Amino acid sequence: MSKVKCFYLGDLKCEAKHLNSGNRIRTDAPLDHCGKGGNFSPTDLLATSIGTCLLTIMAIKTRSNGWELDNIYLDIEKIMTKNRERKIEQLIIDIYIPKDLPKEKINFLQNASKDCPVTRSISKSLILEINWHINNTLQK
């Protein structure tokens, strides 16, 4: 079990401490919502959690299948709602796969990504668009 302790620091900033490791992260309110945007916002962290979870679950599954995940990265675009109910409306995730990866390993990664516990835990009202870029070709 993992525990986190969160502290309000003032001026719309917070700090979270991972109790097992002692590592800390700071957040700030975003520029478009009264903040200075000096750190990740809480909604940035949700988007980041999804991105790092996707990469981590793919790495776990490839390692357990006898190979290492290498030279893969992703970009995330976060789109907030425009109405009074402020929330993340959509996340667009572009995953970039190495050009020399065989088709069976690409299929393996795409299937492995479906086991991300963070994406399984978010509301179905959040539009999650995942685009795979392989050999400079967009594949959905």
Protein backbone atom coordinates (compact mmCIF):
# COMPACT_ATOMS: atom_id res chain seq x y z
CA MET A 1 0.00 0.00 0.00
CA SER A 2 1.24 3.46 -0.84
CA LYS A 3 0.42 6.59 1.12
CA VAL A 4 0.76 10.25 0.25
CA LYS A 5 0.53 13.25 2.57
CA CYS A 6 -0.57 16.57 1.06
CA PHE A 7 0.15 20.04 2.46
CA TYR A 8 -1.30 23.41 1.48
CA LEU A 9 1.61 25.88 1.19
CA GLY A 10 -0.37 29.05 0.53
CA ASP A 11 -0.70 31.15 -2.60
CA LEU A 12 -2.58 28.29 -4.34
CA LYS A 13 0.39 25.92 -4.04
CA CYS A 14 0.46 22.45 -2.52
CA GLU A 15 3.09 19.84 -1.83
CA ALA A 16 2.61 16.07 -1.80
CA LYS A 17 5.01 13.74 -0.03
CA HIS A 18 5.26 10.08 -0.97
CA LEU A 19 5.64 8.51 2.46
CA ASN A 20 7.47 5.35 1.33
CA SER A 21 10.24 7.21 -0.50
CA GLY A 22 10.11 10.72 0.91
CA ASN A 23 9.93 12.17 -2.63
CA ARG A 24 7.94 15.38 -2.99
CA ILE A 25 6.08 17.11 -5.79
CA ARG A 26 4.54 20.57 -5.83
CA THR A 27 1.45 21.79 -7.58
CA ASP A 28 0.19 25.23 -8.47
CA ALA A 29 -3.16 26.43 -9.71
CA PRO A 30 -3.06 26.74 -13.51
CA LEU A 31 -2.78 30.08 -15.28
CA ASP A 32 -6.36 29.82 -16.56
CA HIS A 33 -7.70 29.29 -13.03
CA CYS A 34 -6.24 31.96 -10.72
CA GLY A 35 -2.75 30.45 -10.50
CA LYS A 36 0.75 31.24 -11.63
CA GLY A 37 1.32 27.93 -13.45
CA GLY A 38 4.70 27.51 -11.78
CA ASN A 39 4.31 23.76 -11.30
CA PHE A 40 2.11 20.94 -12.51
CA SER A 41 -1.54 21.62 -11.75
CA PRO A 42 -3.61 18.85 -10.16
CA THR A 43 -5.26 18.15 -13.52
CA ASP A 44 -1.81 18.04 -15.16
CA LEU A 45 -0.92 15.33 -12.63
CA LEU A 46 -3.98 13.30 -13.63
CA ALA A 47 -2.91 13.50 -17.28
CA THR A 48 0.66 12.66 -16.28
CA SER A 49 -0.57 9.70 -14.24
CA ILE A 50 -2.28 8.26 -17.28
CA GLY A 51 0.78 8.78 -19.49
CA THR A 52 3.27 7.30 -17.06
CA CYS A 53 0.89 4.45 -16.23
CA LEU A 54 0.56 3.54 -19.92
CA LEU A 55 4.34 3.49 -20.34
CA THR A 56 4.88 1.60 -17.08
CA ILE A 57 2.30 -1.12 -17.79
CA MET A 58 3.74 -1.64 -21.28
CA ALA A 59 7.26 -1.91 -19.79
CA ILE A 60 6.10 -4.41 -17.15
CA LYS A 61 4.38 -6.57 -19.75
CA THR A 62 7.28 -6.49 -22.21
CA ARG A 63 9.76 -7.38 -19.46
CA SER A 64 7.61 -10.31 -18.37
CA ASN A 65 7.54 -11.37 -22.03
CA GLY A 66 11.35 -11.38 -22.24
CA TRP A 67 12.16 -8.05 -23.87
CA GLU A 68 12.73 -4.47 -22.76
CA LEU A 69 10.71 -1.46 -23.82
CA ASP A 70 13.01 1.11 -25.41
CA ASN A 71 12.76 4.42 -27.28
CA ILE A 72 9.03 4.91 -26.70
CA TYR A 73 7.48 8.16 -25.55
CA LEU A 74 4.15 9.94 -25.53
CA ASP A 75 2.71 13.44 -25.62
CA ILE A 76 -0.49 14.42 -23.82
CA GLU A 77 -2.79 17.32 -24.62
CA LYS A 78 -5.27 18.20 -21.87
CA ILE A 79 -8.50 19.95 -22.83
CA MET A 80 -10.63 21.46 -20.06
CA THR A 81 -14.39 22.06 -20.24
CA LYS A 82 -15.52 25.56 -21.10
CA ASN A 83 -18.61 25.56 -18.87
CA ARG A 84 -19.00 26.24 -15.15
CA GLU A 85 -18.38 22.60 -14.26
CA ARG A 86 -14.60 22.76 -14.47
CA LYS A 87 -13.11 19.36 -15.29
CA ILE A 88 -10.93 17.64 -17.84
CA GLU A 89 -13.04 17.09 -20.93
CA GLN A 90 -10.54 15.28 -23.12
CA LEU A 91 -7.01 13.90 -23.11
CA ILE A 92 -5.32 13.34 -26.45
CA ILE A 93 -2.40 10.94 -26.08
CA ASP A 94 0.05 10.42 -28.92
CA ILE A 95 2.27 7.36 -28.40
CA TYR A 96 5.42 7.17 -30.51
CA ILE A 97 6.76 3.68 -31.21
CA PRO A 98 10.29 2.97 -32.51
CA LYS A 99 10.41 2.52 -36.27
CA ASP A 100 12.19 -0.83 -36.16
CA LEU A 101 9.71 -2.63 -33.89
CA PRO A 102 8.12 -5.71 -35.52
CA LYS A 103 4.36 -5.73 -36.03
CA GLU A 104 3.79 -8.50 -33.43
CA LYS A 105 5.53 -6.39 -30.76
CA ILE A 106 3.50 -3.32 -31.73
CA ASN A 107 0.31 -5.37 -31.34
CA PHE A 108 1.63 -6.62 -27.99
CA LEU A 109 2.14 -3.02 -26.78
CA GLN A 110 -1.28 -1.92 -27.95
CA ASN A 111 -2.91 -4.81 -26.07
CA ALA A 112 -0.74 -4.27 -22.98
CA SER A 113 -1.76 -0.59 -22.81
CA LYS A 114 -5.36 -1.66 -22.24
CA ASP A 115 -4.35 -2.94 -18.78
CA CYS A 116 -3.47 0.51 -17.43
CA PRO A 117 -5.14 0.77 -13.99
CA VAL A 118 -5.31 4.57 -14.18
CA THR A 119 -7.32 4.59 -17.41
CA ARG A 120 -9.56 1.91 -15.92
CA SER A 121 -10.16 4.14 -12.89
CA ILE A 122 -11.21 7.36 -14.61
CA SER A 123 -14.75 8.39 -15.41
CA LYS A 124 -16.21 7.34 -18.75
CA SER A 125 -17.20 11.01 -19.22
CA LEU A 126 -13.52 11.85 -19.86
CA ILE A 127 -12.80 11.48 -23.56
CA LEU A 128 -9.56 9.57 -23.88
CA GLU A 129 -8.10 9.55 -27.38
CA ILE A 130 -5.01 7.39 -27.87
CA ASN A 131 -3.15 7.69 -31.16
CA TRP A 132 -0.30 5.33 -32.07
CA HIS A 133 2.46 6.66 -34.30
CA ILE A 134 4.44 3.87 -35.95
CA ASN A 135 6.91 4.35 -38.81
CA ASN A 136 5.71 7.97 -39.02
CA THR A 137 2.17 6.72 -39.69
CA LEU A 138 -0.75 7.51 -37.42
CA GLN A 139 -2.68 4.37 -36.42
CA LYS A 140 -5.82 4.49 -34.29
